[in-house]
Amino acid sequence: MRLIADLERWLRTEQSPFRAQLLREDLARLRRLQALAPAAPDLATFVAAGSRIGWTQQDARTRELREPLAQLLEAVYAFERGQRDAAQEARITRAWQALHRLRLERLLGCLSPPVPGTAD
């Protein structure tokens, strides 16, 4: 999967310990999805299992990522079940970008200090 190779390449040059840790965790999740896909009897089973692999702390807020996560899971499932072409790789990348963006906005944005002059 090209996404895994891209994230591995990014990890090798990442300077931030925080981003490097997030990359390692994401790589582990993607590899877990690769292992789950062939074993799942159908897409619904894969989506159920793939949704509970620690996308958020103890998956407590994973439901907030439902839509882009479902798109990623469907794309990975299709890829791992034989649809290994450039279009599917692009679909995985788009889904990953949407998931990653939302995850950072929702889950990490709450850790950012308020911008002076904008908070109550």
PDB file of N, CA and C in Angstrom:
ATOM      1  N   MET A   1       0.850  -1.166   0.000  1.00  0.00           N
ATOM      2  CA  MET A   1       0.000   0.000   0.000  1.00  0.00           C
ATOM      3  C   MET A   1       0.902   1.236   0.000  1.00  0.00           C
ATOM      4  N   ARG A   2       0.676   2.101  -0.954  1.00  0.00           N
ATOM      5  CA  ARG A   2       1.498   3.290  -1.105  1.00  0.00           C
ATOM      6  C   ARG A   2       1.440   4.191   0.134  1.00  0.00           C
ATOM      7  N   LEU A   3       0.279   4.283   0.772  1.00  0.00           N
ATOM      8  CA  LEU A   3       0.149   5.131   1.954  1.00  0.00           C
ATOM      9  C   LEU A   3       1.131   4.701   3.046  1.00  0.00           C
ATOM     10  N   ILE A   4       1.276   3.425   3.256  1.00  0.00           N
ATOM     11  CA  ILE A   4       2.215   2.935   4.270  1.00  0.00           C
ATOM     12  C   ILE A   4       3.637   3.336   3.899  1.00  0.00           C
ATOM     13  N   ALA A   5       4.000   3.158   2.648  1.00  0.00           N
ATOM     14  CA  ALA A   5       5.348   3.549   2.204  1.00  0.00           C
ATOM     15  C   ALA A   5       5.568   5.050   2.385  1.00  0.00           C
ATOM     16  N   ASP A   6       4.563   5.849   2.075  1.00  0.00           N
ATOM     17  CA  ASP A   6       4.675   7.303   2.237  1.00  0.00           C
ATOM     18  C   ASP A   6       4.855   7.683   3.704  1.00  0.00           C
ATOM     19  N   LEU A   7       4.069   7.076   4.589  1.00  0.00           N
ATOM     20  CA  LEU A   7       4.181   7.384   6.011  1.00  0.00           C
ATOM     21  C   LEU A   7       5.523   6.915   6.580  1.00  0.00           C
ATOM     22  N   GLU A   8       6.018   5.776   6.124  1.00  0.00           N
ATOM     23  CA  GLU A   8       7.328   5.294   6.563  1.00  0.00           C
ATOM     24  C   GLU A   8       8.432   6.262   6.135  1.00  0.00           C
ATOM     25  N   ARG A   9       8.333   6.758   4.909  1.00  0.00           N
ATOM     26  CA  ARG A   9       9.307   7.714   4.389  1.00  0.00           C
ATOM     27  C   ARG A   9       9.270   9.008   5.219  1.00  0.00           C
ATOM     28  N   TRP A  10       8.064   9.467   5.527  1.00  0.00           N
ATOM     29  CA  TRP A  10       7.895  10.678   6.316  1.00  0.00           C
ATOM     30  C   TRP A  10       8.475  10.475   7.720  1.00  0.00           C
ATOM     31  N   LEU A  11       8.247   9.314   8.296  1.00  0.00           N
ATOM     32  CA  LEU A  11       8.741   9.010   9.640  1.00  0.00           C
ATOM     33  C   LEU A  11      10.266   9.087   9.704  1.00  0.00           C
ATOM     34  N   ARG A  12      10.941   8.610   8.667  1.00  0.00           N
ATOM     35  CA  ARG A  12      12.404   8.607   8.656  1.00  0.00           C
ATOM     36  C   ARG A  12      12.992  10.009   8.762  1.00  0.00           C
ATOM     37  N   THR A  13      12.263  11.032   8.341  1.00  0.00           N
ATOM     38  CA  THR A  13      12.794  12.398   8.357  1.00  0.00           C
ATOM     39  C   THR A  13      12.091  13.308   9.364  1.00  0.00           C
ATOM     40  N   GLU A  14      11.123  12.775  10.092  1.00  0.00           N
ATOM     41  CA  GLU A  14      10.337  13.602  11.019  1.00  0.00           C
ATOM     42  C   GLU A  14      11.193  14.059  12.195  1.00  0.00           C
ATOM     43  N   GLN A  15      11.182  15.349  12.465  1.00  0.00           N
ATOM     44  CA  GLN A  15      11.954  15.934  13.557  1.00  0.00           C
ATOM     45  C   GLN A  15      11.167  16.002  14.864  1.00  0.00           C
ATOM     46  N   SER A  16       9.857  16.159  14.769  1.00  0.00           N
ATOM     47  CA  SER A  16       9.024  16.312  15.968  1.00  0.00           C
ATOM     48  C   SER A  16       8.764  14.956  16.618  1.00  0.00           C
ATOM     49  N   PRO A  17       9.095  14.804  17.885  1.00  0.00           N
ATOM     50  CA  PRO A  17       8.808  13.536  18.574  1.00  0.00           C
ATOM     51  C   PRO A  17       7.306  13.240  18.612  1.00  0.00           C
ATOM     52  N   PHE A  18       6.495  14.268  18.747  1.00  0.00           N
ATOM     53  CA  PHE A  18       5.045  14.074  18.766  1.00  0.00           C
ATOM     54  C   PHE A  18       4.551  13.531  17.432  1.00  0.00           C
ATOM     55  N   ARG A  19       4.933  14.177  16.327  1.00  0.00           N
ATOM     56  CA  ARG A  19       4.490  13.708  15.006  1.00  0.00           C
ATOM     57  C   ARG A  19       5.067  12.327  14.688  1.00  0.00           C
ATOM     58  N   ALA A  20       6.304  12.077  15.114  1.00  0.00           N
ATOM     59  CA  ALA A  20       6.902  10.760  14.875  1.00  0.00           C
ATOM     60  C   ALA A  20       6.110   9.673  15.603  1.00  0.00           C
ATOM     61  N   GLN A  21       5.707   9.937  16.837  1.00  0.00           N
ATOM     62  CA  GLN A  21       4.914   8.961  17.577  1.00  0.00           C
ATOM     63  C   GLN A  21       3.567   8.732  16.906  1.00  0.00           C
ATOM     64  N   LEU A  22       2.924   9.794  16.477  1.00  0.00           N
ATOM     65  CA  LEU A  22       1.642   9.654  15.774  1.00  0.00           C
ATOM     66  C   LEU A  22       1.813   8.841  14.493  1.00  0.00           C
ATOM     67  N   LEU A  23       2.890   9.070  13.766  1.00  0.00           N
ATOM     68  CA  LEU A  23       3.161   8.291  12.556  1.00  0.00           C
ATOM     69  C   LEU A  23       3.347   6.813  12.881  1.00  0.00           C
ATOM     70  N   ARG A  24       4.108   6.509  13.930  1.00  0.00           N
ATOM     71  CA  ARG A  24       4.311   5.100  14.309  1.00  0.00           C
ATOM     72  C   ARG A  24       2.974   4.442  14.668  1.00  0.00           C
ATOM     73  N   GLU A  25       2.143   5.162  15.401  1.00  0.00           N
ATOM     74  CA  GLU A  25       0.834   4.617  15.763  1.00  0.00           C
ATOM     75  C   GLU A  25      -0.044   4.417  14.533  1.00  0.00           C
ATOM     76  N   ASP A  26      -0.021   5.372  13.626  1.00  0.00           N
ATOM     77  CA  ASP A  26      -0.816   5.248  12.402  1.00  0.00           C
ATOM     78  C   ASP A  26      -0.332   4.095  11.537  1.00  0.00           C
ATOM     79  N   LEU A  27       0.969   3.932  11.443  1.00  0.00           N
ATOM     80  CA  LEU A  27       1.508   2.804  10.680  1.00  0.00           C
ATOM     81  C   LEU A  27       1.062   1.475  11.292  1.00  0.00           C
ATOM     82  N   ALA A  28       1.082   1.379  12.601  1.00  0.00           N
ATOM     83  CA  ALA A  28       0.625   0.157  13.263  1.00  0.00           C
ATOM     84  C   ALA A  28      -0.855  -0.094  12.961  1.00  0.00           C
ATOM     85  N   ARG A  29      -1.664   0.956  12.972  1.00  0.00           N
ATOM     86  CA  ARG A  29      -3.096   0.795  12.666  1.00  0.00           C
ATOM     87  C   ARG A  29      -3.298   0.318  11.222  1.00  0.00           C
ATOM     88  N   LEU A  30      -2.575   0.913  10.303  1.00  0.00           N
ATOM     89  CA  LEU A  30      -2.727   0.524   8.895  1.00  0.00           C
ATOM     90  C   LEU A  30      -2.267  -0.914   8.666  1.00  0.00           C
ATOM     91  N   ARG A  31      -1.210  -1.304   9.326  1.00  0.00           N
ATOM     92  CA  ARG A  31      -0.755  -2.700   9.199  1.00  0.00           C
ATOM     93  C   ARG A  31      -1.778  -3.657   9.812  1.00  0.00           C
ATOM     94  N   ARG A  32      -2.399  -3.219  10.879  1.00  0.00           N
ATOM     95  CA  ARG A  32      -3.451  -4.041  11.490  1.00  0.00           C
ATOM     96  C   ARG A  32      -4.611  -4.217  10.518  1.00  0.00           C
ATOM     97  N   LEU A  33      -4.975  -3.127   9.822  1.00  0.00           N
ATOM     98  CA  LEU A  33      -6.040  -3.229   8.817  1.00  0.00           C
ATOM     99  C   LEU A  33      -5.651  -4.199   7.716  1.00  0.00           C
ATOM    100  N   GLN A  34      -4.404  -4.155   7.298  1.00  0.00           N
ATOM    101  CA  GLN A  34      -3.938  -5.093   6.272  1.00  0.00           C
ATOM    102  C   GLN A  34      -4.112  -6.535   6.728  1.00  0.00           C
ATOM    103  N   ALA A  35      -3.879  -6.798   7.988  1.00  0.00           N
ATOM    104  CA  ALA A  35      -4.027  -8.163   8.514  1.00  0.00           C
ATOM    105  C   ALA A  35      -5.492  -8.543   8.680  1.00  0.00           C
ATOM    106  N   LEU A  36      -6.329  -7.583   9.044  1.00  0.00           N
ATOM    107  CA  LEU A  36      -7.756  -7.872   9.261  1.00  0.00           C
ATOM    108  C   LEU A  36      -8.510  -8.147   7.966  1.00  0.00           C
ATOM    109  N   ALA A  37      -8.167  -7.446   6.898  1.00  0.00           N
ATOM    110  CA  ALA A  37      -8.945  -7.525   5.650  1.00  0.00           C
ATOM    111  C   ALA A  37      -9.061  -8.942   5.092  1.00  0.00           C
ATOM    112  N   PRO A  38      -7.976  -9.682   4.937  1.00  0.00           N
ATOM    113  CA  PRO A  38      -8.118 -11.033   4.365  1.00  0.00           C
ATOM    114  C   PRO A  38      -8.901 -11.985   5.262  1.00  0.00           C
ATOM    115  N   ALA A  39      -8.869 -11.738   6.567  1.00  0.00           N
ATOM    116  CA  ALA A  39      -9.539 -12.636   7.509  1.00  0.00           C
ATOM    117  C   ALA A  39     -11.028 -12.330   7.661  1.00  0.00           C
ATOM    118  N   ALA A  40     -11.437 -11.119   7.278  1.00  0.00           N
ATOM    119  CA  ALA A  40     -12.842 -10.733   7.448  1.00  0.00           C
ATOM    120  C   ALA A  40     -13.714 -11.409   6.397  1.00  0.00           C
ATOM    121  N   PRO A  41     -14.836 -11.991   6.808  1.00  0.00           N
ATOM    122  CA  PRO A  41     -15.702 -12.664   5.843  1.00  0.00           C
ATOM    123  C   PRO A  41     -16.440 -11.701   4.908  1.00  0.00           C
ATOM    124  N   ASP A  42     -16.587 -10.435   5.345  1.00  0.00           N
ATOM    125  CA  ASP A  42     -17.272  -9.454   4.506  1.00  0.00           C
ATOM    126  C   ASP A  42     -16.890  -8.047   4.950  1.00  0.00           C
ATOM    127  N   LEU A  43     -17.310  -7.052   4.156  1.00  0.00           N
ATOM    128  CA  LEU A  43     -16.973  -5.660   4.430  1.00  0.00           C
ATOM    129  C   LEU A  43     -17.515  -5.199   5.778  1.00  0.00           C
ATOM    130  N   ALA A  44     -18.745  -5.554   6.101  1.00  0.00           N
ATOM    131  CA  ALA A  44     -19.343  -5.103   7.362  1.00  0.00           C
ATOM    132  C   ALA A  44     -18.537  -5.584   8.570  1.00  0.00           C
ATOM    133  N   THR A  45     -18.084  -6.818   8.532  1.00  0.00           N
ATOM    134  CA  THR A  45     -17.275  -7.356   9.625  1.00  0.00           C
ATOM    135  C   THR A  45     -15.946  -6.622   9.710  1.00  0.00           C
ATOM    136  N   PHE A  46     -15.343  -6.371   8.555  1.00  0.00           N
ATOM    137  CA  PHE A  46     -14.079  -5.636   8.520  1.00  0.00           C
ATOM    138  C   PHE A  46     -14.241  -4.223   9.075  1.00  0.00           C
ATOM    139  N   VAL A  47     -15.287  -3.522   8.661  1.00  0.00           N
ATOM    140  CA  VAL A  47     -15.524  -2.154   9.137  1.00  0.00           C
ATOM    141  C   VAL A  47     -15.736  -2.149  10.650  1.00  0.00           C
ATOM    142  N   ALA A  48     -16.497  -3.099  11.153  1.00  0.00           N
ATOM    143  CA  ALA A  48     -16.726  -3.180  12.600  1.00  0.00           C
ATOM    144  C   ALA A  48     -15.411  -3.403  13.340  1.00  0.00           C
ATOM    145  N   ALA A  49     -14.601  -4.326  12.864  1.00  0.00           N
ATOM    146  CA  ALA A  49     -13.323  -4.613  13.519  1.00  0.00           C
ATOM    147  C   ALA A  49     -12.330  -3.468  13.321  1.00  0.00           C
ATOM    148  N   GLY A  50     -12.261  -2.942  12.124  1.00  0.00           N
ATOM    149  CA  GLY A  50     -11.315  -1.877  11.817  1.00  0.00           C
ATOM    150  C   GLY A  50     -11.632  -0.565  12.493  1.00  0.00           C
ATOM    151  N   SER A  51     -12.862  -0.397  12.907  1.00  0.00           N
ATOM    152  CA  SER A  51     -13.262   0.817  13.616  1.00  0.00           C
ATOM    153  C   SER A  51     -12.844   0.802  15.076  1.00  0.00           C
ATOM    154  N   ARG A  52     -12.432  -0.360  15.552  1.00  0.00           N
ATOM    155  CA  ARG A  52     -12.096  -0.503  16.974  1.00  0.00           C
ATOM    156  C   ARG A  52     -10.639  -0.929  17.192  1.00  0.00           C
ATOM    157  N   ILE A  53      -9.745  -0.244  16.503  1.00  0.00           N
ATOM    158  CA  ILE A  53      -8.330  -0.588  16.680  1.00  0.00           C
ATOM    159  C   ILE A  53      -7.541   0.569  17.288  1.00  0.00           C
ATOM    160  N   GLY A  54      -8.233   1.451  17.980  1.00  0.00           N
ATOM    161  CA  GLY A  54      -7.536   2.521  18.680  1.00  0.00           C
ATOM    162  C   GLY A  54      -7.337   3.793  17.886  1.00  0.00           C
ATOM    163  N   TRP A  55      -8.301   4.157  17.095  1.00  0.00           N
ATOM    164  CA  TRP A  55      -8.193   5.408  16.333  1.00  0.00           C
ATOM    165  C   TRP A  55      -8.184   6.615  17.256  1.00  0.00           C
ATOM    166  N   THR A  56      -8.812   6.489  18.407  1.00  0.00           N
ATOM    167  CA  THR A  56      -8.743   7.499  19.461  1.00  0.00           C
ATOM    168  C   THR A  56      -8.429   6.757  20.754  1.00  0.00           C
ATOM    169  N   GLN A  57      -8.106   7.482  21.801  1.00  0.00           N
ATOM    170  CA  GLN A  57      -7.778   6.865  23.083  1.00  0.00           C
ATOM    171  C   GLN A  57      -8.909   5.934  23.512  1.00  0.00           C
ATOM    172  N   GLN A  58      -8.618   4.654  23.601  1.00  0.00           N
ATOM    173  CA  GLN A  58      -9.584   3.605  23.959  1.00  0.00           C
ATOM    174  C   GLN A  58     -10.838   3.658  23.071  1.00  0.00           C
ATOM    175  N   ASP A  59     -10.701   4.190  21.882  1.00  0.00           N
ATOM    176  CA  ASP A  59     -11.793   4.353  20.911  1.00  0.00           C
ATOM    177  C   ASP A  59     -12.983   5.124  21.473  1.00  0.00           C
ATOM    178  N   ALA A  60     -12.738   5.927  22.503  1.00  0.00           N
ATOM    179  CA  ALA A  60     -13.815   6.669  23.156  1.00  0.00           C
ATOM    180  C   ALA A  60     -14.451   7.714  22.236  1.00  0.00           C
ATOM    181  N   ARG A  61     -13.664   8.276  21.321  1.00  0.00           N
ATOM    182  CA  ARG A  61     -14.201   9.322  20.437  1.00  0.00           C
ATOM    183  C   ARG A  61     -14.154   8.915  18.965  1.00  0.00           C
ATOM    184  N   THR A  62     -13.915   7.667  18.694  1.00  0.00           N
ATOM    185  CA  THR A  62     -13.806   7.214  17.313  1.00  0.00           C
ATOM    186  C   THR A  62     -15.091   7.475  16.529  1.00  0.00           C
ATOM    187  N   ARG A  63     -16.239   7.462  17.197  1.00  0.00           N
ATOM    188  CA  ARG A  63     -17.506   7.704  16.499  1.00  0.00           C
ATOM    189  C   ARG A  63     -17.515   9.072  15.821  1.00  0.00           C
ATOM    190  N   GLU A  64     -16.744  10.022  16.342  1.00  0.00           N
ATOM    191  CA  GLU A  64     -16.664  11.346  15.738  1.00  0.00           C
ATOM    192  C   GLU A  64     -15.952  11.317  14.393  1.00  0.00           C
ATOM    193  N   LEU A  65     -15.240  10.247  14.128  1.00  0.00           N
ATOM    194  CA  LEU A  65     -14.487  10.092  12.877  1.00  0.00           C
ATOM    195  C   LEU A  65     -15.200   9.168  11.896  1.00  0.00           C
ATOM    196  N   ARG A  66     -16.404   8.799  12.221  1.00  0.00           N
ATOM    197  CA  ARG A  66     -17.132   7.742  11.519  1.00  0.00           C
ATOM    198  C   ARG A  66     -17.103   7.869  10.000  1.00  0.00           C
ATOM    199  N   GLU A  67     -17.461   9.013   9.462  1.00  0.00           N
ATOM    200  CA  GLU A  67     -17.593   9.125   8.007  1.00  0.00           C
ATOM    201  C   GLU A  67     -16.267   8.953   7.257  1.00  0.00           C
ATOM    202  N   PRO A  68     -15.225   9.732   7.583  1.00  0.00           N
ATOM    203  CA  PRO A  68     -13.973   9.511   6.850  1.00  0.00           C
ATOM    204  C   PRO A  68     -13.321   8.172   7.182  1.00  0.00           C
ATOM    205  N   LEU A  69     -13.524   7.683   8.398  1.00  0.00           N
ATOM    206  CA  LEU A  69     -12.969   6.377   8.756  1.00  0.00           C
ATOM    207  C   LEU A  69     -13.630   5.280   7.929  1.00  0.00           C
ATOM    208  N   ALA A  70     -14.935   5.354   7.753  1.00  0.00           N
ATOM    209  CA  ALA A  70     -15.641   4.357   6.939  1.00  0.00           C
ATOM    210  C   ALA A  70     -15.124   4.370   5.509  1.00  0.00           C
ATOM    211  N   GLN A  71     -14.870   5.551   4.972  1.00  0.00           N
ATOM    212  CA  GLN A  71     -14.335   5.646   3.606  1.00  0.00           C
ATOM    213  C   GLN A  71     -12.955   5.001   3.511  1.00  0.00           C
ATOM    214  N   LEU A  72     -12.111   5.255   4.519  1.00  0.00           N
ATOM    215  CA  LEU A  72     -10.788   4.630   4.526  1.00  0.00           C
ATOM    216  C   LEU A  72     -10.905   3.118   4.633  1.00  0.00           C
ATOM    217  N   LEU A  73     -11.739   2.644   5.529  1.00  0.00           N
ATOM    218  CA  LEU A  73     -11.876   1.203   5.725  1.00  0.00           C
ATOM    219  C   LEU A  73     -12.381   0.514   4.465  1.00  0.00           C
ATOM    220  N   GLU A  74     -13.349   1.114   3.799  1.00  0.00           N
ATOM    221  CA  GLU A  74     -13.853   0.534   2.546  1.00  0.00           C
ATOM    222  C   GLU A  74     -12.767   0.481   1.485  1.00  0.00           C
ATOM    223  N   ALA A  75     -11.964   1.548   1.397  1.00  0.00           N
ATOM    224  CA  ALA A  75     -10.895   1.590   0.397  1.00  0.00           C
ATOM    225  C   ALA A  75      -9.806   0.567   0.701  1.00  0.00           C
ATOM    226  N   VAL A  76      -9.426   0.454   1.959  1.00  0.00           N
ATOM    227  CA  VAL A  76      -8.394  -0.517   2.339  1.00  0.00           C
ATOM    228  C   VAL A  76      -8.901  -1.941   2.113  1.00  0.00           C
ATOM    229  N   TYR A  77     -10.145  -2.194   2.464  1.00  0.00           N
ATOM    230  CA  TYR A  77     -10.718  -3.525   2.266  1.00  0.00           C
ATOM    231  C   TYR A  77     -10.672  -3.915   0.785  1.00  0.00           C
ATOM    232  N   ALA A  78     -11.110  -3.010  -0.072  1.00  0.00           N
ATOM    233  CA  ALA A  78     -11.099  -3.293  -1.516  1.00  0.00           C
ATOM    234  C   ALA A  78      -9.668  -3.543  -2.002  1.00  0.00           C
ATOM    235  N   PHE A  79      -8.734  -2.743  -1.540  1.00  0.00           N
ATOM    236  CA  PHE A  79      -7.332  -2.896  -1.942  1.00  0.00           C
ATOM    237  C   PHE A  79      -6.780  -4.245  -1.493  1.00  0.00           C
ATOM    238  N   GLU A  80      -6.980  -4.565  -0.237  1.00  0.00           N
ATOM    239  CA  GLU A  80      -6.433  -5.804   0.306  1.00  0.00           C
ATOM    240  C   GLU A  80      -7.138  -7.047  -0.227  1.00  0.00           C
ATOM    241  N   ARG A  81      -8.328  -6.869  -0.762  1.00  0.00           N
ATOM    242  CA  ARG A  81      -9.059  -8.002  -1.338  1.00  0.00           C
ATOM    243  C   ARG A  81      -8.856  -8.101  -2.850  1.00  0.00           C
ATOM    244  N   GLY A  82      -7.873  -7.349  -3.386  1.00  0.00           N
ATOM    245  CA  GLY A  82      -7.499  -7.559  -4.782  1.00  0.00           C
ATOM    246  C   GLY A  82      -7.629  -6.370  -5.712  1.00  0.00           C
ATOM    247  N   GLN A  83      -8.237  -5.314  -5.304  1.00  0.00           N
ATOM    248  CA  GLN A  83      -8.405  -4.153  -6.180  1.00  0.00           C
ATOM    249  C   GLN A  83      -7.188  -3.243  -6.031  1.00  0.00           C
ATOM    250  N   ARG A  84      -6.058  -3.720  -6.492  1.00  0.00           N
ATOM    251  CA  ARG A  84      -4.773  -3.037  -6.283  1.00  0.00           C
ATOM    252  C   ARG A  84      -4.365  -2.272  -7.536  1.00  0.00           C
ATOM    253  N   ASP A  85      -4.968  -1.128  -7.715  1.00  0.00           N
ATOM    254  CA  ASP A  85      -4.621  -0.297  -8.859  1.00  0.00           C
ATOM    255  C   ASP A  85      -4.420   1.144  -8.402  1.00  0.00           C
ATOM    256  N   ALA A  86      -3.992   1.994  -9.322  1.00  0.00           N
ATOM    257  CA  ALA A  86      -3.694   3.389  -8.987  1.00  0.00           C
ATOM    258  C   ALA A  86      -4.930   4.124  -8.480  1.00  0.00           C
ATOM    259  N   ALA A  87      -6.080   3.816  -9.040  1.00  0.00           N
ATOM    260  CA  ALA A  87      -7.309   4.482  -8.599  1.00  0.00           C
ATOM    261  C   ALA A  87      -7.623   4.133  -7.145  1.00  0.00           C
ATOM    262  N   GLN A  88      -7.404   2.879  -6.775  1.00  0.00           N
ATOM    263  CA  GLN A  88      -7.673   2.472  -5.398  1.00  0.00           C
ATOM    264  C   GLN A  88      -6.650   3.085  -4.443  1.00  0.00           C
ATOM    265  N   GLU A  89      -5.399   3.160  -4.867  1.00  0.00           N
ATOM    266  CA  GLU A  89      -4.372   3.819  -4.052  1.00  0.00           C
ATOM    267  C   GLU A  89      -4.747   5.286  -3.827  1.00  0.00           C
ATOM    268  N   ALA A  90      -5.221   5.941  -4.866  1.00  0.00           N
ATOM    269  CA  ALA A  90      -5.640   7.348  -4.747  1.00  0.00           C
ATOM    270  C   ALA A  90      -6.838   7.470  -3.811  1.00  0.00           C
ATOM    271  N   ARG A  91      -7.752   6.540  -3.889  1.00  0.00           N
ATOM    272  CA  ARG A  91      -8.918   6.547  -2.997  1.00  0.00           C
ATOM    273  C   ARG A  91      -8.480   6.395  -1.532  1.00  0.00           C
ATOM    274  N   ILE A  92      -7.525   5.520  -1.286  1.00  0.00           N
ATOM    275  CA  ILE A  92      -6.995   5.332   0.064  1.00  0.00           C
ATOM    276  C   ILE A  92      -6.356   6.634   0.553  1.00  0.00           C
ATOM    277  N   THR A  93      -5.557   7.251  -0.295  1.00  0.00           N
ATOM    278  CA  THR A  93      -4.878   8.491   0.085  1.00  0.00           C
ATOM    279  C   THR A  93      -5.876   9.598   0.396  1.00  0.00           C
ATOM    280  N   ARG A  94      -6.887   9.772  -0.440  1.00  0.00           N
ATOM    281  CA  ARG A  94      -7.912  10.807  -0.190  1.00  0.00           C
ATOM    282  C   ARG A  94      -8.648  10.537   1.122  1.00  0.00           C
ATOM    283  N   ALA A  95      -9.002   9.298   1.348  1.00  0.00           N
ATOM    284  CA  ALA A  95      -9.716   8.945   2.575  1.00  0.00           C
ATOM    285  C   ALA A  95      -8.819   9.180   3.796  1.00  0.00           C
ATOM    286  N   TRP A  96      -7.558   8.815   3.682  1.00  0.00           N
ATOM    287  CA  TRP A  96      -6.620   9.024   4.778  1.00  0.00           C
ATOM    288  C   TRP A  96      -6.480  10.515   5.083  1.00  0.00           C
ATOM    289  N   GLN A  97      -6.333  11.319   4.053  1.00  0.00           N
ATOM    290  CA  GLN A  97      -6.177  12.760   4.266  1.00  0.00           C
ATOM    291  C   GLN A  97      -7.397  13.348   4.961  1.00  0.00           C
ATOM    292  N   ALA A  98      -8.576  12.937   4.565  1.00  0.00           N
ATOM    293  CA  ALA A  98      -9.802  13.431   5.199  1.00  0.00           C
ATOM    294  C   ALA A  98      -9.867  12.982   6.667  1.00  0.00           C
ATOM    295  N   LEU A  99      -9.543  11.732   6.922  1.00  0.00           N
ATOM    296  CA  LEU A  99      -9.551  11.212   8.290  1.00  0.00           C
ATOM    297  C   LEU A  99      -8.514  11.931   9.146  1.00  0.00           C
ATOM    298  N   HIS A 100      -7.327  12.062   8.627  1.00  0.00           N
ATOM    299  CA  HIS A 100      -6.242  12.699   9.370  1.00  0.00           C
ATOM    300  C   HIS A 100      -6.576  14.158   9.692  1.00  0.00           C
ATOM    301  N   ARG A 101      -7.103  14.870   8.721  1.00  0.00           N
ATOM    302  CA  ARG A 101      -7.478  16.272   8.914  1.00  0.00           C
ATOM    303  C   ARG A 101      -8.546  16.400  10.010  1.00  0.00           C
ATOM    304  N   LEU A 102      -9.580  15.585   9.924  1.00  0.00           N
ATOM    305  CA  LEU A 102     -10.649  15.646  10.919  1.00  0.00           C
ATOM    306  C   LEU A 102     -10.132  15.260  12.297  1.00  0.00           C
ATOM    307  N   ARG A 103      -9.329  14.244  12.341  1.00  0.00           N
ATOM    308  CA  ARG A 103      -8.786  13.795  13.623  1.00  0.00           C
ATOM    309  C   ARG A 103      -7.958  14.897  14.276  1.00  0.00           C
ATOM    310  N   LEU A 104      -7.140  15.594  13.502  1.00  0.00           N
ATOM    311  CA  LEU A 104      -6.347  16.672  14.058  1.00  0.00           C
ATOM    312  C   LEU A 104      -7.220  17.841  14.496  1.00  0.00           C
ATOM    313  N   GLU A 105      -8.226  18.164  13.700  1.00  0.00           N
ATOM    314  CA  GLU A 105      -9.124  19.267  14.056  1.00  0.00           C
ATOM    315  C   GLU A 105      -9.900  18.967  15.327  1.00  0.00           C
ATOM    316  N   ARG A 106     -10.492  17.806  15.388  1.00  0.00           N
ATOM    317  CA  ARG A 106     -11.367  17.456  16.510  1.00  0.00           C
ATOM    318  C   ARG A 106     -10.620  17.062  17.770  1.00  0.00           C
ATOM    319  N   LEU A 107      -9.617  16.225  17.596  1.00  0.00           N
ATOM    320  CA  LEU A 107      -9.014  15.611  18.759  1.00  0.00           C
ATOM    321  C   LEU A 107      -7.767  16.328  19.253  1.00  0.00           C
ATOM    322  N   LEU A 108      -7.008  16.912  18.357  1.00  0.00           N
ATOM    323  CA  LEU A 108      -5.811  17.603  18.796  1.00  0.00           C
ATOM    324  C   LEU A 108      -6.050  19.098  18.915  1.00  0.00           C
ATOM    325  N   GLY A 109      -7.005  19.624  18.183  1.00  0.00           N
ATOM    326  CA  GLY A 109      -7.313  21.040  18.262  1.00  0.00           C
ATOM    327  C   GLY A 109      -7.729  21.458  19.652  1.00  0.00           C
ATOM    328  N   CYS A 110      -8.352  20.554  20.378  1.00  0.00           N
ATOM    329  CA  CYS A 110      -8.793  20.883  21.738  1.00  0.00           C
ATOM    330  C   CYS A 110      -7.609  21.060  22.682  1.00  0.00           C
ATOM    331  N   LEU A 111      -6.412  20.610  22.290  1.00  0.00           N
ATOM    332  CA  LEU A 111      -5.235  20.759  23.125  1.00  0.00           C
ATOM    333  C   LEU A 111      -4.512  22.076  22.888  1.00  0.00           C
ATOM    334  N   SER A 112      -4.855  22.758  21.792  1.00  0.00           N
ATOM    335  CA  SER A 112      -4.188  24.005  21.453  1.00  0.00           C
ATOM    336  C   SER A 112      -4.658  25.129  22.365  1.00  0.00           C
ATOM    337  N   PRO A 113      -3.730  25.993  22.763  1.00  0.00           N
ATOM    338  CA  PRO A 113      -4.170  27.139  23.552  1.00  0.00           C
ATOM    339  C   PRO A 113      -4.972  28.091  22.670  1.00  0.00           C
ATOM    340  N   PRO A 114      -5.880  28.852  23.264  1.00  0.00           N
ATOM    341  CA  PRO A 114      -6.663  29.776  22.460  1.00  0.00           C
ATOM    342  C   PRO A 114      -5.772  30.851  21.854  1.00  0.00           C
ATOM    343  N   VAL A 115      -6.143  31.323  20.689  1.00  0.00           N
ATOM    344  CA  VAL A 115      -5.420  32.400  20.036  1.00  0.00           C
ATOM    345  C   VAL A 115      -5.785  33.697  20.745  1.00  0.00           C
ATOM    346  N   PRO A 116      -4.810  34.475  21.186  1.00  0.00           N
ATOM    347  CA  PRO A 116      -5.127  35.715  21.895  1.00  0.00           C
ATOM    348  C   PRO A 116      -6.081  36.600  21.089  1.00  0.00           C
ATOM    349  N   GLY A 117      -7.071  37.096  21.783  1.00  0.00           N
ATOM    350  CA  GLY A 117      -8.035  37.973  21.144  1.00  0.00           C
ATOM    351  C   GLY A 117      -9.225  37.269  20.530  1.00  0.00           C
ATOM    352  N   THR A 118      -9.226  35.918  20.532  1.00  0.00           N
ATOM    353  CA  THR A 118     -10.347  35.180  19.936  1.00  0.00           C
ATOM    354  C   THR A 118     -11.124  34.364  20.941  1.00  0.00           C
ATOM    355  N   ALA A 119     -10.551  34.125  22.110  1.00  0.00           N
ATOM    356  CA  ALA A 119     -11.231  33.308  23.120  1.00  0.00           C
ATOM    357  C   ALA A 119     -11.985  34.198  24.091  1.00  0.00           C
ATOM    358  N   ASP A 120     -13.036  33.635  24.672  1.00  0.00           N
ATOM    359  CA  ASP A 120     -13.803  34.382  25.691  1.00  0.00           C
ATOM    360  C   ASP A 120     -13.099  34.365  27.009  1.00  0.00           C
TER     361      ASP A 120
END
